[in-house]
Amino acid sequence: SGVVVAVAGMAKISPFEVVKRTSVPVLVGLLVVIVATEILVPGSALH
């Protein structure tokens, strides 16, 4: 969270704007990592 505040301060915008702008790519990336782990790691928890 400190990084968000620092970046927002440098860009002179609200920290909430930074979070809103980056939330969709973060969620997509998280989904990709979860799916890739399920595919690539044999014997994962769901199998």
N, C-alpha and C. Protein backbone atom coordinates (compact mmCIF):
# COMPACT_ATOMS: atom_id res chain seq x y z
N SER A 1 0.82 -1.20 0.00
CA SER A 1 0.00 0.00 0.00
C SER A 1 0.86 1.25 0.00
N GLY A 2 2.06 1.15 0.53
CA GLY A 2 2.96 2.30 0.51
C GLY A 2 3.34 2.69 -0.90
N VAL A 3 3.49 1.70 -1.77
CA VAL A 3 3.83 1.98 -3.16
C VAL A 3 2.69 2.73 -3.84
N VAL A 4 1.46 2.35 -3.56
CA VAL A 4 0.31 3.03 -4.16
C VAL A 4 0.29 4.49 -3.75
N VAL A 5 0.53 4.75 -2.47
CA VAL A 5 0.54 6.13 -1.98
C VAL A 5 1.68 6.91 -2.62
N ALA A 6 2.86 6.29 -2.74
CA ALA A 6 4.01 6.97 -3.34
C ALA A 6 3.77 7.28 -4.81
N VAL A 7 3.24 6.32 -5.55
CA VAL A 7 2.96 6.54 -6.97
C VAL A 7 1.90 7.61 -7.14
N ALA A 8 0.86 7.56 -6.33
CA ALA A 8 -0.20 8.57 -6.41
C ALA A 8 0.35 9.96 -6.09
N GLY A 9 1.24 10.03 -5.12
CA GLY A 9 1.84 11.32 -4.78
C GLY A 9 2.68 11.87 -5.91
N MET A 10 3.47 11.01 -6.55
CA MET A 10 4.31 11.46 -7.67
C MET A 10 3.45 11.90 -8.85
N ALA A 11 2.34 11.21 -9.08
CA ALA A 11 1.46 11.54 -10.21
C ALA A 11 0.45 12.63 -9.86
N LYS A 12 0.44 13.04 -8.59
CA LYS A 12 -0.49 14.07 -8.11
C LYS A 12 -1.96 13.69 -8.37
N ILE A 13 -2.29 12.43 -8.10
CA ILE A 13 -3.67 11.96 -8.20
C ILE A 13 -4.02 11.21 -6.92
N SER A 14 -5.30 10.92 -6.76
CA SER A 14 -5.77 10.20 -5.58
C SER A 14 -5.31 8.74 -5.62
N PRO A 15 -4.93 8.18 -4.47
CA PRO A 15 -4.58 6.75 -4.44
C PRO A 15 -5.72 5.86 -4.95
N PHE A 16 -6.97 6.29 -4.74
CA PHE A 16 -8.10 5.51 -5.23
C PHE A 16 -8.11 5.43 -6.76
N GLU A 17 -7.66 6.50 -7.42
CA GLU A 17 -7.56 6.48 -8.88
C GLU A 17 -6.55 5.44 -9.34
N VAL A 18 -5.43 5.34 -8.63
CA VAL A 18 -4.40 4.35 -8.97
C VAL A 18 -4.97 2.94 -8.81
N VAL A 19 -5.67 2.70 -7.71
CA VAL A 19 -6.24 1.38 -7.45
C VAL A 19 -7.29 1.03 -8.50
N LYS A 20 -8.16 1.99 -8.82
CA LYS A 20 -9.19 1.72 -9.83
C LYS A 20 -8.57 1.42 -11.19
N ARG A 21 -7.50 2.14 -11.52
CA ARG A 21 -6.89 1.97 -12.84
C ARG A 21 -6.17 0.63 -12.96
N THR A 22 -5.63 0.11 -11.86
CA THR A 22 -4.84 -1.12 -11.92
C THR A 22 -5.60 -2.37 -11.47
N SER A 23 -6.83 -2.22 -10.98
CA SER A 23 -7.52 -3.39 -10.42
C SER A 23 -7.88 -4.43 -11.47
N VAL A 24 -8.31 -4.01 -12.65
CA VAL A 24 -8.69 -4.98 -13.69
C VAL A 24 -7.48 -5.78 -14.17
N PRO A 25 -6.35 -5.15 -14.52
CA PRO A 25 -5.19 -5.96 -14.92
C PRO A 25 -4.69 -6.89 -13.82
N VAL A 26 -4.77 -6.45 -12.58
CA VAL A 26 -4.34 -7.30 -11.46
C VAL A 26 -5.24 -8.53 -11.35
N LEU A 27 -6.54 -8.34 -11.45
CA LEU A 27 -7.47 -9.47 -11.36
C LEU A 27 -7.30 -10.43 -12.53
N VAL A 28 -7.09 -9.90 -13.74
CA VAL A 28 -6.86 -10.76 -14.90
C VAL A 28 -5.57 -11.56 -14.72
N GLY A 29 -4.52 -10.90 -14.25
CA GLY A 29 -3.26 -11.59 -14.00
C GLY A 29 -3.39 -12.68 -12.96
N LEU A 30 -4.13 -12.41 -11.90
CA LEU A 30 -4.35 -13.41 -10.86
C LEU A 30 -5.09 -14.63 -11.41
N LEU A 31 -6.10 -14.38 -12.23
CA LEU A 31 -6.85 -15.47 -12.84
C LEU A 31 -5.96 -16.31 -13.75
N VAL A 32 -5.10 -15.66 -14.53
CA VAL A 32 -4.19 -16.38 -15.43
C VAL A 32 -3.23 -17.24 -14.63
N VAL A 33 -2.70 -16.72 -13.53
CA VAL A 33 -1.77 -17.49 -12.70
C VAL A 33 -2.47 -18.71 -12.10
N ILE A 34 -3.69 -18.54 -11.62
CA ILE A 34 -4.42 -19.66 -11.03
C ILE A 34 -4.69 -20.74 -12.08
N VAL A 35 -5.15 -20.34 -13.26
CA VAL A 35 -5.44 -21.31 -14.32
C VAL A 35 -4.16 -22.00 -14.77
N ALA A 36 -3.08 -21.24 -14.95
CA ALA A 36 -1.82 -21.84 -15.39
C ALA A 36 -1.29 -22.81 -14.34
N THR A 37 -1.44 -22.50 -13.07
CA THR A 37 -1.00 -23.40 -12.02
C THR A 37 -1.79 -24.70 -12.05
N GLU A 38 -3.09 -24.60 -12.23
CA GLU A 38 -3.92 -25.81 -12.30
C GLU A 38 -3.54 -26.68 -13.50
N ILE A 39 -3.15 -26.06 -14.59
CA ILE A 39 -2.79 -26.82 -15.79
C ILE A 39 -1.39 -27.40 -15.68
N LEU A 40 -0.44 -26.61 -15.18
CA LEU A 40 0.97 -27.00 -15.24
C LEU A 40 1.45 -27.80 -14.04
N VAL A 41 0.80 -27.68 -12.90
CA VAL A 41 1.28 -28.38 -11.70
C VAL A 41 0.51 -29.68 -11.55
N PRO A 42 1.19 -30.80 -11.71
CA PRO A 42 0.48 -32.08 -11.57
C PRO A 42 0.12 -32.36 -10.10
N GLY A 43 -1.03 -32.99 -9.92
CA GLY A 43 -1.46 -33.35 -8.57
C GLY A 43 -1.85 -32.15 -7.73
N SER A 44 -2.42 -31.13 -8.35
CA SER A 44 -2.82 -29.96 -7.57
C SER A 44 -4.05 -30.27 -6.72
N ALA A 45 -4.47 -29.34 -5.91
CA ALA A 45 -5.51 -29.57 -4.90
C ALA A 45 -6.86 -29.95 -5.50
N LEU A 46 -7.17 -29.50 -6.70
CA LEU A 46 -8.49 -29.77 -7.27
C LEU A 46 -8.60 -31.12 -7.98
N HIS A 47 -7.50 -31.81 -8.15
CA HIS A 47 -7.56 -33.08 -8.89
C HIS A 47 -7.64 -34.26 -7.96
